[in-house]
Structures are given as structure tokens and as C-alpha cells.
């Protein structure tokens, strides 16, 4: 499903709220690992942007906020910018 916002309009008009959270994941060794993730809550005119996963992906057709895992050596802000570029093709203002 294409993004309902034009890339230029998203950059100029959306209110970007950075959201960072810690989530627990179970590693191969069975130990609990803590992984940092980021997500963008993008609003405009009282509407919230939510993306739908592709049909061939894991968790196919489920809805999510744009974002993902913070990579090693990357800050949460850098990860959020990277994820928005990868998923939506935009750079936040």
C-alpha cells in the first residue's frame, strides 16, 4: 500500500514525534536480551500515519508504525532517520 502522504508534504507538514522503547527478545541461547527499537508517530490534521506490512513479510498485512531496531553503534535518533528513509523514502525535518 503506498504512503498516503507525498514525500515532500510529509517532510514539510507532519509533526514528527520520536518514540523510543525497550523490548525484550529471547536469544538463541535462551537468555533474555534487551533490544532498543524506535518508531515514528506521524500526525497531520488529527490523523495518524500507520503502515501495513507486505503480504510476503513476517507478520504479513499487519499494521505498524514506521521504525525498527537500533543497530550497534547507532543512536536512537540516527536509527529513526534511517528507518524512515528505508521504509518511507523520507528524511524528517
PDB file of N, CA and C in Angstrom:
ATOM      1  N   UNK A   1       0.844  -1.172   0.000  1.00  0.00           N
ATOM      2  CA  UNK A   1       0.000   0.000   0.000  1.00  0.00           C
ATOM      3  C   UNK A   1       0.894   1.242   0.000  1.00  0.00           C
ATOM      4  N   UNK A   2       0.722   2.147  -0.942  1.00  0.00           N
ATOM      5  CA  UNK A   2       1.568   3.336  -0.989  1.00  0.00           C
ATOM      6  C   UNK A   2       1.272   4.286   0.168  1.00  0.00           C
ATOM      7  N   UNK A   3       2.265   5.049   0.537  1.00  0.00           N
ATOM      8  CA  UNK A   3       2.111   6.037   1.602  1.00  0.00           C
ATOM      9  C   UNK A   3       1.099   7.094   1.162  1.00  0.00           C
ATOM     10  N   UNK A   4       0.078   7.391   1.984  1.00  0.00           N
ATOM     11  CA  UNK A   4      -0.938   8.350   1.578  1.00  0.00           C
ATOM     12  C   UNK A   4      -0.447   9.794   1.570  1.00  0.00           C
ATOM     13  N   UNK A   5       0.721  10.046   2.120  1.00  0.00           N
ATOM     14  CA  UNK A   5       1.283  11.387   2.149  1.00  0.00           C
ATOM     15  C   UNK A   5       2.370  11.496   1.089  1.00  0.00           C
ATOM     16  N   UNK A   6       2.417  12.591   0.347  1.00  0.00           N
ATOM     17  CA  UNK A   6       3.523  12.826  -0.566  1.00  0.00           C
ATOM     18  C   UNK A   6       4.794  13.038   0.238  1.00  0.00           C
ATOM     19  N   UNK A   7       5.937  12.622  -0.294  1.00  0.00           N
ATOM     20  CA  UNK A   7       7.198  12.726   0.450  1.00  0.00           C
ATOM     21  C   UNK A   7       7.500  14.162   0.851  1.00  0.00           C
ATOM     22  N   UNK A   8       7.334  15.096  -0.075  1.00  0.00           N
ATOM     23  CA  UNK A   8       7.618  16.491   0.215  1.00  0.00           C
ATOM     24  C   UNK A   8       6.660  17.031   1.281  1.00  0.00           C
ATOM     25  N   UNK A   9       5.381  16.711   1.155  1.00  0.00           N
ATOM     26  CA  UNK A   9       4.392  17.188   2.125  1.00  0.00           C
ATOM     27  C   UNK A   9       4.655  16.589   3.496  1.00  0.00           C
ATOM     28  N   UNK A  10       5.068  15.316   3.535  1.00  0.00           N
ATOM     29  CA  UNK A  10       5.373  14.673   4.813  1.00  0.00           C
ATOM     30  C   UNK A  10       6.501  15.428   5.498  1.00  0.00           C
ATOM     31  N   UNK A  11       7.537  15.743   4.739  1.00  0.00           N
ATOM     32  CA  UNK A  11       8.676  16.456   5.292  1.00  0.00           C
ATOM     33  C   UNK A  11       8.276  17.835   5.813  1.00  0.00           C
ATOM     34  N   UNK A  12       7.425  18.526   5.100  1.00  0.00           N
ATOM     35  CA  UNK A  12       7.100  19.902   5.440  1.00  0.00           C
ATOM     36  C   UNK A  12       5.979  20.028   6.458  1.00  0.00           C
ATOM     37  N   UNK A  13       4.978  19.179   6.421  1.00  0.00           N
ATOM     38  CA  UNK A  13       3.765  19.432   7.180  1.00  0.00           C
ATOM     39  C   UNK A  13       3.523  18.508   8.362  1.00  0.00           C
ATOM     40  N   UNK A  14       4.188  17.379   8.429  1.00  0.00           N
ATOM     41  CA  UNK A  14       3.892  16.425   9.502  1.00  0.00           C
ATOM     42  C   UNK A  14       4.602  16.808  10.793  1.00  0.00           C
ATOM     43  N   UNK A  15       3.952  16.507  11.872  1.00  0.00           N
ATOM     44  CA  UNK A  15       4.531  16.684  13.186  1.00  0.00           C
ATOM     45  C   UNK A  15       5.135  15.345  13.568  1.00  0.00           C
ATOM     46  N   UNK A  16       6.465  15.281  13.654  1.00  0.00           N
ATOM     47  CA  UNK A  16       7.150  14.019  13.929  1.00  0.00           C
ATOM     48  C   UNK A  16       7.437  13.911  15.414  1.00  0.00           C
ATOM     49  N   UNK A  17       6.988  12.841  15.989  1.00  0.00           N
ATOM     50  CA  UNK A  17       7.238  12.577  17.402  1.00  0.00           C
ATOM     51  C   UNK A  17       8.157  11.365  17.485  1.00  0.00           C
ATOM     52  N   UNK A  18       9.304  11.553  18.090  1.00  0.00           N
ATOM     53  CA  UNK A  18      10.245  10.437  18.224  1.00  0.00           C
ATOM     54  C   UNK A  18       9.840   9.594  19.430  1.00  0.00           C
ATOM     55  N   UNK A  19       9.831   8.329  19.208  1.00  0.00           N
ATOM     56  CA  UNK A  19       9.422   7.422  20.269  1.00  0.00           C
ATOM     57  C   UNK A  19      10.435   6.294  20.345  1.00  0.00           C
ATOM     58  N   UNK A  20      10.995   6.083  21.496  1.00  0.00           N
ATOM     59  CA  UNK A  20      11.973   5.034  21.672  1.00  0.00           C
ATOM     60  C   UNK A  20      11.503   4.119  22.798  1.00  0.00           C
ATOM     61  N   UNK A  21      11.658   2.824  22.607  1.00  0.00           N
ATOM     62  CA  UNK A  21      11.195   1.877  23.622  1.00  0.00           C
ATOM     63  C   UNK A  21      12.170   0.721  23.738  1.00  0.00           C
ATOM     64  N   UNK A  22      12.144   0.075  24.864  1.00  0.00           N
ATOM     65  CA  UNK A  22      12.944  -1.124  25.071  1.00  0.00           C
ATOM     66  C   UNK A  22      12.001  -2.326  24.995  1.00  0.00           C
ATOM     67  N   UNK A  23      12.401  -3.340  24.255  1.00  0.00           N
ATOM     68  CA  UNK A  23      11.590  -4.546  24.172  1.00  0.00           C
ATOM     69  C   UNK A  23      12.451  -5.753  24.522  1.00  0.00           C
ATOM     70  N   UNK A  24      11.830  -6.757  25.067  1.00  0.00           N
ATOM     71  CA  UNK A  24      12.556  -7.976  25.426  1.00  0.00           C
ATOM     72  C   UNK A  24      12.442  -8.982  24.296  1.00  0.00           C
ATOM     73  N   UNK A  25      13.539  -9.659  24.021  1.00  0.00           N
ATOM     74  CA  UNK A  25      13.552 -10.698  22.991  1.00  0.00           C
ATOM     75  C   UNK A  25      14.299 -11.901  23.546  1.00  0.00           C
ATOM     76  N   UNK A  26      13.949 -13.086  23.093  1.00  0.00           N
ATOM     77  CA  UNK A  26      14.629 -14.288  23.555  1.00  0.00           C
ATOM     78  C   UNK A  26      15.690 -14.666  22.524  1.00  0.00           C
ATOM     79  N   UNK A  27      16.937 -14.715  22.963  1.00  0.00           N
ATOM     80  CA  UNK A  27      18.045 -15.066  22.084  1.00  0.00           C
ATOM     81  C   UNK A  27      18.139 -16.562  21.864  1.00  0.00           C
ATOM     82  N   UNK A  28      19.046 -16.976  20.972  1.00  0.00           N
ATOM     83  CA  UNK A  28      19.226 -18.402  20.658  1.00  0.00           C
ATOM     84  C   UNK A  28      19.643 -19.198  21.884  1.00  0.00           C
ATOM     85  N   UNK A  29      20.396 -18.559  22.777  1.00  0.00           N
ATOM     86  CA  UNK A  29      20.862 -19.266  23.969  1.00  0.00           C
ATOM     87  C   UNK A  29      19.775 -19.392  25.031  1.00  0.00           C
ATOM     88  N   UNK A  30      18.610 -18.780  24.782  1.00  0.00           N
ATOM     89  CA  UNK A  30      17.526 -18.837  25.758  1.00  0.00           C
ATOM     90  C   UNK A  30      17.572 -17.702  26.757  1.00  0.00           C
ATOM     91  N   UNK A  31      18.625 -16.878  26.693  1.00  0.00           N
ATOM     92  CA  UNK A  31      18.721 -15.740  27.598  1.00  0.00           C
ATOM     93  C   UNK A  31      17.835 -14.612  27.100  1.00  0.00           C
ATOM     94  N   UNK A  32      17.317 -13.857  28.025  1.00  0.00           N
ATOM     95  CA  UNK A  32      16.538 -12.692  27.632  1.00  0.00           C
ATOM     96  C   UNK A  32      17.481 -11.570  27.235  1.00  0.00           C
ATOM     97  N   UNK A  33      17.274 -11.017  26.061  1.00  0.00           N
ATOM     98  CA  UNK A  33      18.064  -9.904  25.566  1.00  0.00           C
ATOM     99  C   UNK A  33      17.185  -8.666  25.560  1.00  0.00           C
ATOM    100  N   UNK A  34      17.780  -7.514  25.730  1.00  0.00           N
ATOM    101  CA  UNK A  34      17.043  -6.269  25.622  1.00  0.00           C
ATOM    102  C   UNK A  34      17.481  -5.594  24.340  1.00  0.00           C
ATOM    103  N   UNK A  35      16.521  -5.255  23.495  1.00  0.00           N
ATOM    104  CA  UNK A  35      16.808  -4.630  22.216  1.00  0.00           C
ATOM    105  C   UNK A  35      16.116  -3.274  22.177  1.00  0.00           C
ATOM    106  N   UNK A  36      16.825  -2.262  21.724  1.00  0.00           N
ATOM    107  CA  UNK A  36      16.233  -0.931  21.612  1.00  0.00           C
ATOM    108  C   UNK A  36      15.605  -0.785  20.238  1.00  0.00           C
ATOM    109  N   UNK A  37      14.383  -0.297  20.209  1.00  0.00           N
ATOM    110  CA  UNK A  37      13.682  -0.056  18.954  1.00  0.00           C
ATOM    111  C   UNK A  37      13.192   1.386  18.925  1.00  0.00           C
ATOM    112  N   UNK A  38      12.942   1.884  17.725  1.00  0.00           N
ATOM    113  CA  UNK A  38      12.406   3.228  17.555  1.00  0.00           C
ATOM    114  C   UNK A  38      11.189   3.164  16.650  1.00  0.00           C
ATOM    115  N   UNK A  39      10.294   4.116  16.824  1.00  0.00           N
ATOM    116  CA  UNK A  39       9.125   4.215  15.958  1.00  0.00           C
ATOM    117  C   UNK A  39       8.766   5.686  15.822  1.00  0.00           C
ATOM    118  N   UNK A  40       8.187   6.037  14.692  1.00  0.00           N
ATOM    119  CA  UNK A  40       7.751   7.411  14.466  1.00  0.00           C
ATOM    120  C   UNK A  40       6.230   7.450  14.516  1.00  0.00           C
ATOM    121  N   UNK A  41       5.707   8.348  15.306  1.00  0.00           N
ATOM    122  CA  UNK A  41       4.272   8.600  15.333  1.00  0.00           C
ATOM    123  C   UNK A  41       4.076   9.907  14.577  1.00  0.00           C
ATOM    124  N   UNK A  42       3.605   9.804  13.359  1.00  0.00           N
ATOM    125  CA  UNK A  42       3.497  10.952  12.460  1.00  0.00           C
ATOM    126  C   UNK A  42       2.034  11.338  12.352  1.00  0.00           C
ATOM    127  N   UNK A  43       1.739  12.583  12.709  1.00  0.00           N
ATOM    128  CA  UNK A  43       0.353  13.052  12.684  1.00  0.00           C
ATOM    129  C   UNK A  43       0.220  14.263  11.770  1.00  0.00           C
ATOM    130  N   UNK A  44      -0.965  14.400  11.210  1.00  0.00           N
ATOM    131  CA  UNK A  44      -1.342  15.595  10.446  1.00  0.00           C
ATOM    132  C   UNK A  44      -2.857  15.659  10.433  1.00  0.00           C
ATOM    133  N   UNK A  45      -3.398  16.821  10.735  1.00  0.00           N
ATOM    134  CA  UNK A  45      -4.850  17.030  10.725  1.00  0.00           C
ATOM    135  C   UNK A  45      -5.582  15.961  11.536  1.00  0.00           C
ATOM    136  N   UNK A  46      -5.089  15.679  12.723  1.00  0.00           N
ATOM    137  CA  UNK A  46      -5.690  14.694  13.637  1.00  0.00           C
ATOM    138  C   UNK A  46      -5.713  13.277  13.064  1.00  0.00           C
ATOM    139  N   UNK A  47      -4.853  12.992  12.073  1.00  0.00           N
ATOM    140  CA  UNK A  47      -4.727  11.642  11.508  1.00  0.00           C
ATOM    141  C   UNK A  47      -3.341  11.111  11.842  1.00  0.00           C
ATOM    142  N   UNK A  48      -3.265   9.818  12.089  1.00  0.00           N
ATOM    143  CA  UNK A  48      -2.023   9.158  12.455  1.00  0.00           C
ATOM    144  C   UNK A  48      -1.600   8.228  11.321  1.00  0.00           C
ATOM    145  N   UNK A  49      -0.340   8.356  10.874  1.00  0.00           N
ATOM    146  CA  UNK A  49       0.175   7.509   9.799  1.00  0.00           C
ATOM    147  C   UNK A  49       0.537   6.125  10.348  1.00  0.00           C
ATOM    148  N   UNK A  50      -0.069   5.097   9.783  1.00  0.00           N
ATOM    149  CA  UNK A  50       0.223   3.709  10.125  1.00  0.00           C
ATOM    150  C   UNK A  50       0.476   2.983   8.818  1.00  0.00           C
ATOM    151  N   UNK A  51       1.482   2.103   8.798  1.00  0.00           N
ATOM    152  CA  UNK A  51       1.853   1.391   7.572  1.00  0.00           C
ATOM    153  C   UNK A  51       1.437  -0.079   7.675  1.00  0.00           C
ATOM    154  N   UNK A  52       1.110  -0.661   6.533  1.00  0.00           N
ATOM    155  CA  UNK A  52       0.738  -2.076   6.509  1.00  0.00           C
ATOM    156  C   UNK A  52       1.888  -2.877   5.907  1.00  0.00           C
ATOM    157  N   UNK A  53       2.243  -3.979   6.576  1.00  0.00           N
ATOM    158  CA  UNK A  53       3.333  -4.829   6.095  1.00  0.00           C
ATOM    159  C   UNK A  53       2.932  -5.523   4.802  1.00  0.00           C
ATOM    160  N   UNK A  54       3.927  -5.881   3.979  1.00  0.00           N
ATOM    161  CA  UNK A  54       3.675  -6.573   2.708  1.00  0.00           C
ATOM    162  C   UNK A  54       3.152  -7.987   2.976  1.00  0.00           C
ATOM    163  N   UNK A  55       2.491  -8.537   1.983  1.00  0.00           N
ATOM    164  CA  UNK A  55       1.884  -9.863   2.156  1.00  0.00           C
ATOM    165  C   UNK A  55       2.922 -10.971   2.320  1.00  0.00           C
ATOM    166  N   UNK A  56       4.122 -10.811   1.784  1.00  0.00           N
ATOM    167  CA  UNK A  56       5.146 -11.850   1.894  1.00  0.00           C
ATOM    168  C   UNK A  56       6.031 -11.722   3.119  1.00  0.00           C
ATOM    169  N   UNK A  57       5.882 -10.662   3.912  1.00  0.00           N
ATOM    170  CA  UNK A  57       6.725 -10.421   5.087  1.00  0.00           C
ATOM    171  C   UNK A  57       6.275 -11.256   6.279  1.00  0.00           C
ATOM    172  N   UNK A  58       7.156 -11.306   7.282  1.00  0.00           N
ATOM    173  CA  UNK A  58       6.703 -11.887   8.544  1.00  0.00           C
ATOM    174  C   UNK A  58       5.636 -10.945   9.100  1.00  0.00           C
ATOM    175  N   UNK A  59       4.686 -11.460   9.788  1.00  0.00           N
ATOM    176  CA  UNK A  59       3.540 -10.674  10.276  1.00  0.00           C
ATOM    177  C   UNK A  59       2.835  -9.976   9.116  1.00  0.00           C
ATOM    178  N   UNK A  60       2.643 -10.702   8.046  1.00  0.00           N
ATOM    179  CA  UNK A  60       2.065 -10.162   6.808  1.00  0.00           C
ATOM    180  C   UNK A  60       0.752  -9.442   7.043  1.00  0.00           C
ATOM    181  N   UNK A  61       0.614  -8.297   6.388  1.00  0.00           N
ATOM    182  CA  UNK A  61      -0.586  -7.468   6.359  1.00  0.00           C
ATOM    183  C   UNK A  61      -0.973  -6.869   7.707  1.00  0.00           C
ATOM    184  N   UNK A  62      -0.107  -7.005   8.699  1.00  0.00           N
ATOM    185  CA  UNK A  62      -0.384  -6.369   9.989  1.00  0.00           C
ATOM    186  C   UNK A  62       0.022  -4.900   9.897  1.00  0.00           C
ATOM    187  N   UNK A  63      -0.560  -4.082  10.767  1.00  0.00           N
ATOM    188  CA  UNK A  63      -0.317  -2.647  10.771  1.00  0.00           C
ATOM    189  C   UNK A  63       0.748  -2.308  11.798  1.00  0.00           C
ATOM    190  N   UNK A  64       1.577  -1.292  11.476  1.00  0.00           N
ATOM    191  CA  UNK A  64       2.654  -0.893  12.374  1.00  0.00           C
ATOM    192  C   UNK A  64       3.025   0.567  12.122  1.00  0.00           C
ATOM    193  N   UNK A  65       3.696   1.142  13.098  1.00  0.00           N
ATOM    194  CA  UNK A  65       4.267   2.467  12.910  1.00  0.00           C
ATOM    195  C   UNK A  65       5.614   2.296  12.221  1.00  0.00           C
ATOM    196  N   UNK A  66       6.030   3.248  11.400  1.00  0.00           N
ATOM    197  CA  UNK A  66       7.348   3.125  10.781  1.00  0.00           C
ATOM    198  C   UNK A  66       8.433   3.150  11.856  1.00  0.00           C
ATOM    199  N   UNK A  67       9.429   2.297  11.711  1.00  0.00           N
ATOM    200  CA  UNK A  67      10.522   2.232  12.672  1.00  0.00           C
ATOM    201  C   UNK A  67      11.160   0.856  12.653  1.00  0.00           C
ATOM    202  N   UNK A  68      12.014   0.602  13.622  1.00  0.00           N
ATOM    203  CA  UNK A  68      12.691  -0.693  13.685  1.00  0.00           C
ATOM    204  C   UNK A  68      13.774  -0.710  14.745  1.00  0.00           C
ATOM    205  N   UNK A  69      14.681  -1.657  14.618  1.00  0.00           N
ATOM    206  CA  UNK A  69      15.732  -1.880  15.611  1.00  0.00           C
ATOM    207  C   UNK A  69      16.864  -0.867  15.458  1.00  0.00           C
ATOM    208  N   UNK A  70      17.425  -0.489  16.604  1.00  0.00           N
ATOM    209  CA  UNK A  70      18.619   0.353  16.625  1.00  0.00           C
ATOM    210  C   UNK A  70      19.818  -0.568  16.434  1.00  0.00           C
ATOM    211  N   UNK A  71      20.646  -0.251  15.436  1.00  0.00           N
ATOM    212  CA  UNK A  71      21.824  -1.069  15.160  1.00  0.00           C
ATOM    213  C   UNK A  71      22.970  -0.673  16.087  1.00  0.00           C
ATOM    214  N   UNK A  72      23.922  -1.587  16.261  1.00  0.00           N
ATOM    215  CA  UNK A  72      25.064  -1.342  17.135  1.00  0.00           C
ATOM    216  C   UNK A  72      25.823  -0.097  16.688  1.00  0.00           C
ATOM    217  N   UNK A  73      26.146   0.774  17.655  1.00  0.00           N
ATOM    218  CA  UNK A  73      26.889   1.990  17.363  1.00  0.00           C
ATOM    219  C   UNK A  73      26.029   3.128  16.828  1.00  0.00           C
ATOM    220  N   UNK A  74      24.728   2.951  16.799  1.00  0.00           N
ATOM    221  CA  UNK A  74      23.805   3.936  16.243  1.00  0.00           C
ATOM    222  C   UNK A  74      22.960   4.516  17.378  1.00  0.00           C
ATOM    223  N   UNK A  75      22.739   5.823  17.367  1.00  0.00           N
ATOM    224  CA  UNK A  75      21.851   6.421  18.369  1.00  0.00           C
ATOM    225  C   UNK A  75      20.403   6.166  17.960  1.00  0.00           C
ATOM    226  N   UNK A  76      19.482   6.366  18.902  1.00  0.00           N
ATOM    227  CA  UNK A  76      18.066   6.180  18.597  1.00  0.00           C
ATOM    228  C   UNK A  76      17.621   7.154  17.513  1.00  0.00           C
ATOM    229  N   UNK A  77      18.088   8.395  17.573  1.00  0.00           N
ATOM    230  CA  UNK A  77      17.718   9.395  16.560  1.00  0.00           C
ATOM    231  C   UNK A  77      18.236   8.995  15.183  1.00  0.00           C
ATOM    232  N   UNK A  78      19.473   8.508  15.113  1.00  0.00           N
ATOM    233  CA  UNK A  78      20.040   8.064  13.827  1.00  0.00           C
ATOM    234  C   UNK A  78      19.272   6.866  13.276  1.00  0.00           C
ATOM    235  N   UNK A  79      18.892   5.958  14.164  1.00  0.00           N
ATOM    236  CA  UNK A  79      18.124   4.782  13.738  1.00  0.00           C
ATOM    237  C   UNK A  79      16.773   5.189  13.185  1.00  0.00           C
ATOM    238  N   UNK A  80      16.122   6.145  13.825  1.00  0.00           N
ATOM    239  CA  UNK A  80      14.810   6.583  13.358  1.00  0.00           C
ATOM    240  C   UNK A  80      14.904   7.240  11.986  1.00  0.00           C
ATOM    241  N   UNK A  81      15.908   8.084  11.778  1.00  0.00           N
ATOM    242  CA  UNK A  81      16.113   8.709  10.465  1.00  0.00           C
ATOM    243  C   UNK A  81      16.353   7.632   9.410  1.00  0.00           C
ATOM    244  N   UNK A  82      17.200   6.637   9.727  1.00  0.00           N
ATOM    245  CA  UNK A  82      17.498   5.547   8.782  1.00  0.00           C
ATOM    246  C   UNK A  82      16.245   4.747   8.457  1.00  0.00           C
ATOM    247  N   UNK A  83      15.475   4.397   9.470  1.00  0.00           N
ATOM    248  CA  UNK A  83      14.264   3.607   9.254  1.00  0.00           C
ATOM    249  C   UNK A  83      13.238   4.369   8.407  1.00  0.00           C
ATOM    250  N   UNK A  84      13.078   5.662   8.655  1.00  0.00           N
ATOM    251  CA  UNK A  84      12.146   6.453   7.849  1.00  0.00           C
ATOM    252  C   UNK A  84      12.607   6.530   6.397  1.00  0.00           C
ATOM    253  N   UNK A  85      13.916   6.648   6.187  1.00  0.00           N
ATOM    254  CA  UNK A  85      14.467   6.670   4.828  1.00  0.00           C
ATOM    255  C   UNK A  85      14.232   5.310   4.139  1.00  0.00           C
ATOM    256  N   UNK A  86      14.495   4.214   4.854  1.00  0.00           N
ATOM    257  CA  UNK A  86      14.338   2.881   4.267  1.00  0.00           C
ATOM    258  C   UNK A  86      12.880   2.525   4.010  1.00  0.00           C
ATOM    259  N   UNK A  87      12.006   2.826   4.965  1.00  0.00           N
ATOM    260  CA  UNK A  87      10.606   2.393   4.844  1.00  0.00           C
ATOM    261  C   UNK A  87       9.724   3.346   4.047  1.00  0.00           C
ATOM    262  N   UNK A  88       9.969   4.649   4.179  1.00  0.00           N
ATOM    263  CA  UNK A  88       9.085   5.626   3.533  1.00  0.00           C
ATOM    264  C   UNK A  88       9.785   6.486   2.493  1.00  0.00           C
ATOM    265  N   UNK A  89      11.115   6.415   2.458  1.00  0.00           N
ATOM    266  CA  UNK A  89      11.853   7.233   1.487  1.00  0.00           C
ATOM    267  C   UNK A  89      11.853   8.710   1.844  1.00  0.00           C
ATOM    268  N   UNK A  90      11.767   9.038   3.137  1.00  0.00           N
ATOM    269  CA  UNK A  90      11.737  10.438   3.551  1.00  0.00           C
ATOM    270  C   UNK A  90      12.789  10.686   4.622  1.00  0.00           C
ATOM    271  N   UNK A  91      13.132  11.949   4.783  1.00  0.00           N
ATOM    272  CA  UNK A  91      14.022  12.387   5.862  1.00  0.00           C
ATOM    273  C   UNK A  91      13.229  13.392   6.695  1.00  0.00           C
ATOM    274  N   UNK A  92      13.151  13.169   8.017  1.00  0.00           N
ATOM    275  CA  UNK A  92      12.369  14.094   8.847  1.00  0.00           C
ATOM    276  C   UNK A  92      12.970  15.493   8.839  1.00  0.00           C
ATOM    277  N   UNK A  93      12.127  16.493   9.078  1.00  0.00           N
ATOM    278  CA  UNK A  93      12.608  17.887   9.092  1.00  0.00           C
ATOM    279  C   UNK A  93      13.559  18.147  10.237  1.00  0.00           C
TER     280      UNK A  93
END
